Amino acid sequence: MNTIIEFTLIGTLSLILTLIFIPIIKKIAVQTNLVDKPNYRKVHATPVPLVGGISIAITTFIVLFVSGNKLTIIKEYLPILSSGLTLLIVGAIDDKTDISAKYKLIIQLLLSFFIAFSGIRIISLYGLFGIYEINTWMQYALTILVITGVVNAFNLIDGVDGLVGGLSLLGFTMFLIASTFYNNYFLGKISVIFIGAIIGFLKFNLSKKKIFMGDAGSLFIGFILVTLGIKFMEDQRVNNDYGYTYGFLILVAFFSIPVLDSMRVYIGRMKEGNSPFKADKSHLHHLLLMAGLTHKKTTVFVVIFCMILFLMGLGLISYISTTLIIVAYLTLFGIITKLLLMICSLHKWRDTIKLLEQK
């Protein structure tokens, strides 16, 4: 009960501080031109301050430092928190001045290597393709690939109001539930701090006084989520606890949508003879908007889709292999995207016919 009260107080403090900080940081962002300007790919019509991620990070670190057990938390999670802070700074600079993609990639690879070098590594494939234990160099390679890949995929899905915030809220809620079941106090504490801060961000992100997460926020939170998942999974495995299965499902289910969507978009661009990194409006959230959904409905759809994937995996993990679960994820995602593409094509035909009729 004491833990419940403590977590409630910490989460409330995090929420209050975020609500206080955002208007202040928003004014600074407008004065320094740290805003997202509309263009042909954007769905907003006026400049929007890019301060969501910065506000969440400031709140998170303040609450961590003023709460109890801060030295233990810092020691336990120092590689993750310090690397996340570095990526936040890089993202904020990118929001302001547009850093070259190759430089951002190099920084992400170096931070991912630092995480792997600190001991937070994927040391097993958990039966995927029949593989369990992997050697050390493969642990490093896979950890670096996974962290870098999912962070970029998470960043790319940040395209409509509330989407990254909603997914982040779901991800940290999953970790909070996991921490309760497996008595991981520090994971629970970090999760509840982020939950409070993200709720505060969503209040502004989904209101008329709009702010965006920014690359700083999506990169920072994506990095924190994937590295926390790897650490939780490996901690449970080292302790001979079957909780690593839960951690594996969180990682796979939570990041399936952004990763699969990014792969689909990259492949589609290359098929058309374009660079895979050439920006367009073909991501999942764009398809949902073109299909007629509003921003909020698009966010709800993707978050519920993510929940369905996780619950499906949780229900199947005792009966089928992890390989078949991932195949099921691929199949379901493929069906959903095919249906959306068909709906979008029908809408385009309808609009074309209306234009012809008007002539």
Protein backbone atom coordinates (compact mmCIF):
# COMPACT_ATOMS: atom_id res chain seq x y z
CA MET A 1 0.00 0.00 0.00
CA ASN A 2 2.85 2.38 0.77
CA THR A 3 4.22 1.82 -2.72
CA ILE A 4 0.83 2.61 -4.25
CA ILE A 5 0.62 5.88 -2.30
CA GLU A 6 4.22 6.76 -3.20
CA PHE A 7 3.70 6.07 -6.90
CA THR A 8 0.44 8.07 -6.88
CA LEU A 9 2.17 11.07 -5.30
CA ILE A 10 5.15 10.84 -7.65
CA GLY A 11 2.93 10.52 -10.72
CA THR A 12 0.80 13.47 -9.58
CA LEU A 13 3.91 15.60 -8.97
CA SER A 14 5.17 14.72 -12.44
CA LEU A 15 1.84 15.73 -13.97
CA ILE A 16 1.69 19.05 -12.09
CA LEU A 17 5.27 20.01 -12.94
CA THR A 18 4.68 19.26 -16.64
CA LEU A 19 1.57 21.46 -16.64
CA ILE A 20 3.64 24.24 -15.06
CA PHE A 21 6.70 23.89 -17.30
CA ILE A 22 5.00 23.59 -20.69
CA PRO A 23 3.58 27.16 -20.90
CA ILE A 24 6.97 28.57 -19.84
CA ILE A 25 9.00 26.49 -22.28
CA LYS A 26 6.39 27.13 -24.98
CA LYS A 27 7.00 30.89 -24.76
CA ILE A 28 10.76 30.36 -25.01
CA ALA A 29 10.25 28.09 -28.04
CA VAL A 30 8.19 30.71 -29.85
CA GLN A 31 10.81 33.42 -29.11
CA THR A 32 13.66 31.20 -30.34
CA ASN A 33 11.69 29.87 -33.34
CA LEU A 34 11.76 26.29 -32.06
CA VAL A 35 8.54 25.51 -33.91
CA ASP A 36 7.29 23.07 -36.51
CA LYS A 37 6.38 25.01 -39.64
CA PRO A 38 3.63 23.67 -41.94
CA ASN A 39 4.45 22.25 -45.39
CA TYR A 40 2.84 19.95 -47.94
CA ARG A 41 3.48 16.86 -45.77
CA LYS A 42 2.23 18.36 -42.52
CA VAL A 43 -1.38 18.20 -41.40
CA HIS A 44 -1.26 21.44 -39.36
CA ALA A 45 -1.62 24.91 -40.89
CA THR A 46 0.22 27.13 -38.37
CA PRO A 47 3.63 26.87 -36.61
CA VAL A 48 3.52 24.71 -33.47
CA PRO A 49 6.11 24.79 -30.62
CA LEU A 50 8.28 21.65 -30.41
CA VAL A 51 8.59 21.48 -26.63
CA GLY A 52 6.75 18.30 -25.58
CA GLY A 53 9.81 16.08 -25.30
CA ILE A 54 11.88 18.76 -23.57
CA SER A 55 9.13 19.35 -20.99
CA ILE A 56 8.72 15.63 -20.31
CA ALA A 57 12.48 15.17 -19.91
CA ILE A 58 12.89 18.15 -17.54
CA THR A 59 10.02 16.93 -15.38
CA THR A 60 11.29 13.35 -15.36
CA PHE A 61 14.79 14.24 -14.22
CA ILE A 62 13.57 16.70 -11.57
CA VAL A 63 11.14 14.18 -10.05
CA LEU A 64 13.81 11.46 -10.14
CA PHE A 65 16.22 13.70 -8.23
CA VAL A 66 13.76 14.91 -5.58
CA SER A 67 12.28 11.47 -4.90
CA GLY A 68 13.81 8.82 -2.69
CA ASN A 69 16.31 6.16 -3.80
CA LYS A 70 17.66 8.55 -6.42
CA LEU A 71 21.23 7.29 -6.07
CA THR A 72 20.17 3.68 -6.60
CA ILE A 73 18.01 4.60 -9.60
CA ILE A 74 20.79 6.68 -11.13
CA LYS A 75 23.29 3.87 -10.60
CA GLU A 76 20.91 1.24 -11.97
CA TYR A 77 19.74 3.23 -14.99
CA LEU A 78 22.61 5.69 -15.58
CA PRO A 79 23.53 4.39 -19.09
CA ILE A 80 19.91 4.61 -20.21
CA LEU A 81 19.19 8.03 -18.69
CA SER A 82 22.46 9.64 -19.81
CA SER A 83 22.16 8.27 -23.35
CA GLY A 84 18.52 9.32 -23.51
CA LEU A 85 19.45 12.84 -22.40
CA THR A 86 22.15 13.00 -25.09
CA LEU A 87 19.63 11.96 -27.74
CA LEU A 88 17.16 14.54 -26.42
CA ILE A 89 19.74 17.29 -26.94
CA VAL A 90 20.54 16.01 -30.43
CA GLY A 91 16.83 15.93 -31.24
CA ALA A 92 16.31 19.48 -29.95
CA ILE A 93 19.17 20.74 -32.12
CA ASP A 94 17.66 18.85 -35.07
CA ASP A 95 14.25 20.46 -34.39
CA LYS A 96 15.94 23.84 -34.53
CA THR A 97 18.50 23.50 -37.32
CA ASP A 98 17.91 20.15 -39.14
CA ILE A 99 20.96 17.96 -38.49
CA SER A 100 22.08 15.74 -41.36
CA ALA A 101 20.46 12.30 -41.18
CA LYS A 102 23.83 10.53 -41.37
CA TYR A 103 25.15 12.42 -38.34
CA LYS A 104 22.03 11.56 -36.34
CA LEU A 105 22.43 7.92 -37.34
CA ILE A 106 26.08 7.89 -36.24
CA ILE A 107 25.15 9.36 -32.85
CA GLN A 108 22.37 6.80 -32.40
CA LEU A 109 24.73 3.94 -33.28
CA LEU A 110 27.31 5.20 -30.79
CA LEU A 111 24.72 5.53 -28.02
CA SER A 112 23.38 2.06 -28.82
CA PHE A 113 26.91 0.67 -28.60
CA PHE A 114 27.36 2.42 -25.24
CA ILE A 115 24.18 0.75 -23.96
CA ALA A 116 25.37 -2.67 -25.17
CA PHE A 117 28.84 -2.06 -23.69
CA SER A 118 27.26 -1.18 -20.32
CA GLY A 119 25.80 -4.69 -20.16
CA ILE A 120 22.26 -3.95 -21.33
CA ARG A 121 22.16 -6.36 -24.25
CA ILE A 122 19.90 -8.82 -26.02
CA ILE A 123 21.58 -12.12 -25.16
CA SER A 124 18.99 -14.50 -26.59
CA LEU A 125 16.45 -14.68 -29.43
CA TYR A 126 14.02 -16.51 -27.10
CA GLY A 127 13.22 -19.24 -29.59
CA LEU A 128 12.80 -16.97 -32.60
CA PHE A 129 13.62 -19.12 -35.68
CA GLY A 130 14.56 -21.83 -33.18
CA ILE A 131 17.49 -19.77 -31.80
CA TYR A 132 18.04 -19.12 -28.12
CA GLU A 133 21.56 -18.25 -26.92
CA ILE A 134 23.72 -16.08 -29.17
CA ASN A 135 27.42 -15.27 -28.94
CA THR A 136 28.78 -11.97 -27.62
CA TRP A 137 29.44 -10.24 -30.93
CA MET A 138 25.93 -11.09 -32.09
CA GLN A 139 24.57 -9.68 -28.83
CA TYR A 140 26.27 -6.37 -29.57
CA ALA A 141 25.22 -6.32 -33.24
CA LEU A 142 21.60 -7.22 -32.51
CA THR A 143 21.28 -4.76 -29.61
CA ILE A 144 22.69 -1.89 -31.67
CA LEU A 145 20.48 -2.79 -34.65
CA VAL A 146 17.31 -3.11 -32.57
CA ILE A 147 17.80 0.11 -30.58
CA THR A 148 18.73 2.20 -33.61
CA GLY A 149 16.01 0.70 -35.79
CA VAL A 150 13.12 1.03 -33.38
CA VAL A 151 14.11 4.53 -32.23
CA ASN A 152 14.01 5.76 -35.84
CA ALA A 153 10.76 3.91 -36.53
CA PHE A 154 9.19 5.42 -33.41
CA ASN A 155 10.35 8.86 -34.55
CA LEU A 156 8.80 8.41 -38.00
CA ILE A 157 5.35 7.51 -36.65
CA ASP A 158 5.09 10.90 -34.95
CA GLY A 159 2.73 12.42 -37.48
CA VAL A 160 -0.63 13.19 -35.87
CA ASP A 161 -1.78 14.70 -32.60
CA GLY A 162 -1.51 12.38 -29.62
CA LEU A 163 -0.04 9.41 -31.48
CA VAL A 164 3.46 9.24 -29.98
CA GLY A 165 2.08 10.47 -26.66
CA GLY A 166 -0.64 7.82 -26.64
CA LEU A 167 1.74 5.02 -27.62
CA SER A 168 4.27 6.20 -25.02
CA LEU A 169 1.57 6.24 -22.35
CA LEU A 170 0.63 2.68 -23.29
CA GLY A 171 4.28 1.55 -23.25
CA PHE A 172 5.05 2.93 -19.79
CA THR A 173 1.74 1.56 -18.49
CA MET A 174 2.83 -1.89 -19.70
CA PHE A 175 6.11 -1.47 -17.81
CA LEU A 176 4.24 -0.31 -14.70
CA ILE A 177 2.08 -3.44 -14.80
CA ALA A 178 5.17 -5.59 -15.36
CA SER A 179 6.94 -3.94 -12.43
CA THR A 180 3.99 -4.77 -10.18
CA PHE A 181 3.91 -8.44 -11.17
CA TYR A 182 7.67 -8.92 -10.94
CA ASN A 183 8.41 -6.64 -7.98
CA ASN A 184 10.66 -4.33 -9.99
CA TYR A 185 10.32 -1.19 -7.86
CA PHE A 186 12.69 1.04 -9.83
CA LEU A 187 11.13 0.22 -13.20
CA GLY A 188 7.73 1.04 -11.70
CA LYS A 189 8.99 4.35 -10.33
CA ILE A 190 10.48 5.48 -13.63
CA SER A 191 7.33 4.37 -15.47
CA VAL A 192 4.93 6.29 -13.24
CA ILE A 193 7.03 9.45 -13.53
CA PHE A 194 6.88 9.24 -17.33
CA ILE A 195 3.15 8.47 -17.21
CA GLY A 196 2.42 11.64 -15.25
CA ALA A 197 4.59 13.76 -17.57
CA ILE A 198 3.07 12.28 -20.74
CA ILE A 199 -0.48 12.90 -19.50
CA GLY A 200 0.50 16.53 -18.93
CA PHE A 201 1.91 16.72 -22.47
CA LEU A 202 -1.24 15.18 -23.99
CA LYS A 203 -3.40 17.83 -22.33
CA PHE A 204 -1.66 20.44 -24.48
CA ASN A 205 -1.02 18.28 -27.54
CA LEU A 206 -4.74 17.53 -27.89
CA SER A 207 -5.96 21.05 -27.12
CA LYS A 208 -6.16 24.31 -29.07
CA LYS A 209 -3.01 25.53 -27.26
CA LYS A 210 -1.13 22.91 -29.23
CA ILE A 211 2.45 21.74 -28.81
CA PHE A 212 4.27 18.88 -30.50
CA MET A 213 6.60 16.25 -29.11
CA GLY A 214 9.33 17.16 -31.58
CA ASP A 215 12.19 14.92 -32.69
CA ALA A 216 13.71 15.59 -29.28
CA GLY A 217 10.75 13.93 -27.61
CA SER A 218 10.13 11.03 -29.98
CA LEU A 219 13.82 10.09 -30.08
CA PHE A 220 14.22 10.46 -26.31
CA ILE A 221 11.11 8.49 -25.35
CA GLY A 222 11.60 5.85 -28.04
CA PHE A 223 15.14 5.30 -26.81
CA ILE A 224 14.06 5.08 -23.15
CA LEU A 225 11.27 2.63 -23.95
CA VAL A 226 13.34 0.20 -26.03
CA THR A 227 16.32 0.21 -23.65
CA LEU A 228 14.09 -0.20 -20.60
CA GLY A 229 12.47 -3.17 -22.34
CA ILE A 230 15.84 -4.79 -23.05
CA LYS A 231 17.03 -4.19 -19.49
CA PHE A 232 13.83 -5.57 -17.95
CA MET A 233 13.90 -8.62 -20.20
CA GLU A 234 17.50 -9.44 -19.39
CA ASP A 235 17.16 -8.70 -15.65
CA GLN A 236 14.31 -11.19 -15.42
CA ARG A 237 16.22 -13.75 -17.45
CA VAL A 238 19.32 -13.46 -15.25
CA ASN A 239 17.09 -13.98 -12.21
CA ASN A 240 15.65 -17.14 -13.82
CA ASP A 241 12.24 -15.48 -13.89
CA TYR A 242 9.84 -16.18 -16.73
CA GLY A 243 9.11 -12.44 -16.73
CA TYR A 244 11.51 -12.08 -19.65
CA THR A 245 8.69 -13.45 -21.83
CA TYR A 246 6.57 -10.46 -20.82
CA GLY A 247 9.44 -8.12 -21.61
CA PHE A 248 9.93 -9.75 -24.99
CA LEU A 249 6.23 -9.36 -25.80
CA ILE A 250 6.28 -5.70 -24.76
CA LEU A 251 9.18 -5.01 -27.10
CA VAL A 252 7.81 -7.00 -30.04
CA ALA A 253 4.16 -5.94 -29.75
CA PHE A 254 4.78 -2.31 -28.84
CA PHE A 255 7.30 -1.62 -31.60
CA SER A 256 5.76 -3.90 -34.25
CA ILE A 257 3.55 -1.16 -35.67
CA PRO A 258 6.19 1.58 -36.10
CA VAL A 259 8.86 -0.90 -37.29
CA LEU A 260 6.62 -2.77 -39.75
CA ASP A 261 5.16 0.51 -41.01
CA SER A 262 8.64 1.97 -41.59
CA MET A 263 9.75 -1.17 -43.45
CA ARG A 264 6.60 -1.09 -45.60
CA VAL A 265 7.13 2.58 -46.45
CA TYR A 266 10.84 2.13 -47.23
CA ILE A 267 10.14 -0.82 -49.53
CA GLY A 268 7.31 1.06 -51.25
CA ARG A 269 9.51 4.08 -51.93
CA MET A 270 12.29 1.92 -53.38
CA LYS A 271 9.81 0.08 -55.63
CA GLU A 272 8.81 3.47 -57.06
CA GLY A 273 12.47 4.29 -57.71
CA ASN A 274 12.74 6.84 -54.91
CA SER A 275 15.11 7.05 -51.97
CA PRO A 276 13.77 5.11 -48.96
CA PHE A 277 14.41 8.26 -46.90
CA LYS A 278 12.46 10.62 -49.16
CA ALA A 279 9.60 11.94 -47.04
CA ASP A 280 6.03 11.42 -48.24
CA LYS A 281 2.53 10.79 -46.89
CA SER A 282 2.42 6.98 -47.00
CA HIS A 283 2.80 6.10 -43.31
CA LEU A 284 0.04 4.29 -41.43
CA HIS A 285 -1.26 7.47 -39.79
CA HIS A 286 -1.47 9.16 -43.21
CA LEU A 287 -3.50 6.23 -44.57
CA LEU A 288 -5.88 6.44 -41.62
CA LEU A 289 -6.35 10.18 -42.15
CA MET A 290 -6.96 9.67 -45.88
CA ALA A 291 -9.47 6.95 -44.98
CA GLY A 292 -11.51 9.60 -43.16
CA LEU A 293 -10.40 9.28 -39.53
CA THR A 294 -9.69 12.35 -37.43
CA HIS A 295 -6.40 12.86 -35.57
CA LYS A 296 -7.84 11.57 -32.31
CA LYS A 297 -9.51 8.57 -33.94
CA THR A 298 -6.24 7.76 -35.73
CA THR A 299 -4.38 7.83 -32.43
CA VAL A 300 -7.01 5.66 -30.72
CA PHE A 301 -6.93 3.18 -33.62
CA VAL A 302 -3.14 2.74 -33.51
CA VAL A 303 -3.03 2.48 -29.69
CA ILE A 304 -5.81 -0.12 -29.66
CA PHE A 305 -4.09 -1.98 -32.49
CA CYS A 306 -0.92 -2.09 -30.39
CA MET A 307 -2.89 -3.38 -27.38
CA ILE A 308 -4.48 -6.08 -29.52
CA LEU A 309 -1.06 -7.26 -30.72
CA PHE A 310 0.22 -7.47 -27.16
CA LEU A 311 -2.85 -9.29 -25.81
CA MET A 312 -2.78 -11.64 -28.79
CA GLY A 313 0.86 -12.47 -28.12
CA LEU A 314 0.20 -12.87 -24.40
CA GLY A 315 -2.60 -15.30 -25.12
CA LEU A 316 -0.62 -17.32 -27.66
CA ILE A 317 2.83 -17.44 -26.03
CA SER A 318 1.99 -20.59 -24.05
CA TYR A 319 0.77 -22.44 -27.15
CA ILE A 320 2.89 -21.43 -30.11
CA SER A 321 6.46 -20.32 -30.74
CA THR A 322 7.64 -16.71 -30.80
CA THR A 323 8.31 -17.14 -34.53
CA LEU A 324 4.64 -17.94 -35.21
CA ILE A 325 3.54 -15.02 -33.04
CA ILE A 326 5.63 -12.64 -35.14
CA VAL A 327 4.23 -14.24 -38.32
CA ALA A 328 0.74 -13.59 -36.91
CA TYR A 329 1.69 -9.95 -36.26
CA LEU A 330 2.99 -9.59 -39.82
CA THR A 331 -0.17 -11.14 -41.25
CA LEU A 332 -2.53 -8.95 -39.24
CA PHE A 333 -0.55 -5.80 -40.01
CA GLY A 334 -0.49 -6.72 -43.71
CA ILE A 335 -4.26 -7.24 -43.80
CA ILE A 336 -4.94 -3.91 -42.05
CA THR A 337 -2.65 -1.92 -44.35
CA LYS A 338 -4.03 -3.60 -47.49
CA LEU A 339 -7.58 -2.69 -46.43
CA LEU A 340 -6.54 0.90 -45.73
CA LEU A 341 -4.82 1.20 -49.10
CA MET A 342 -7.99 -0.09 -50.79
CA ILE A 343 -10.14 2.43 -48.91
CA CYS A 344 -7.76 5.27 -49.83
CA SER A 345 -7.87 4.21 -53.50
CA LEU A 346 -11.67 4.23 -53.44
CA HIS A 347 -11.65 7.73 -51.93
CA LYS A 348 -9.27 8.95 -54.65
CA TRP A 349 -11.53 7.47 -57.35
CA ARG A 350 -14.56 9.10 -55.76
CA ASP A 351 -12.83 12.49 -55.67
CA THR A 352 -11.69 12.09 -59.28
CA ILE A 353 -15.22 11.27 -60.43
CA LYS A 354 -16.58 14.31 -58.58
CA LEU A 355 -14.06 16.55 -60.33
CA LEU A 356 -15.00 15.09 -63.71
CA GLU A 357 -18.70 15.59 -62.99
CA GLN A 358 -18.08 19.25 -62.08
CA LYS A 359 -16.38 19.81 -65.44
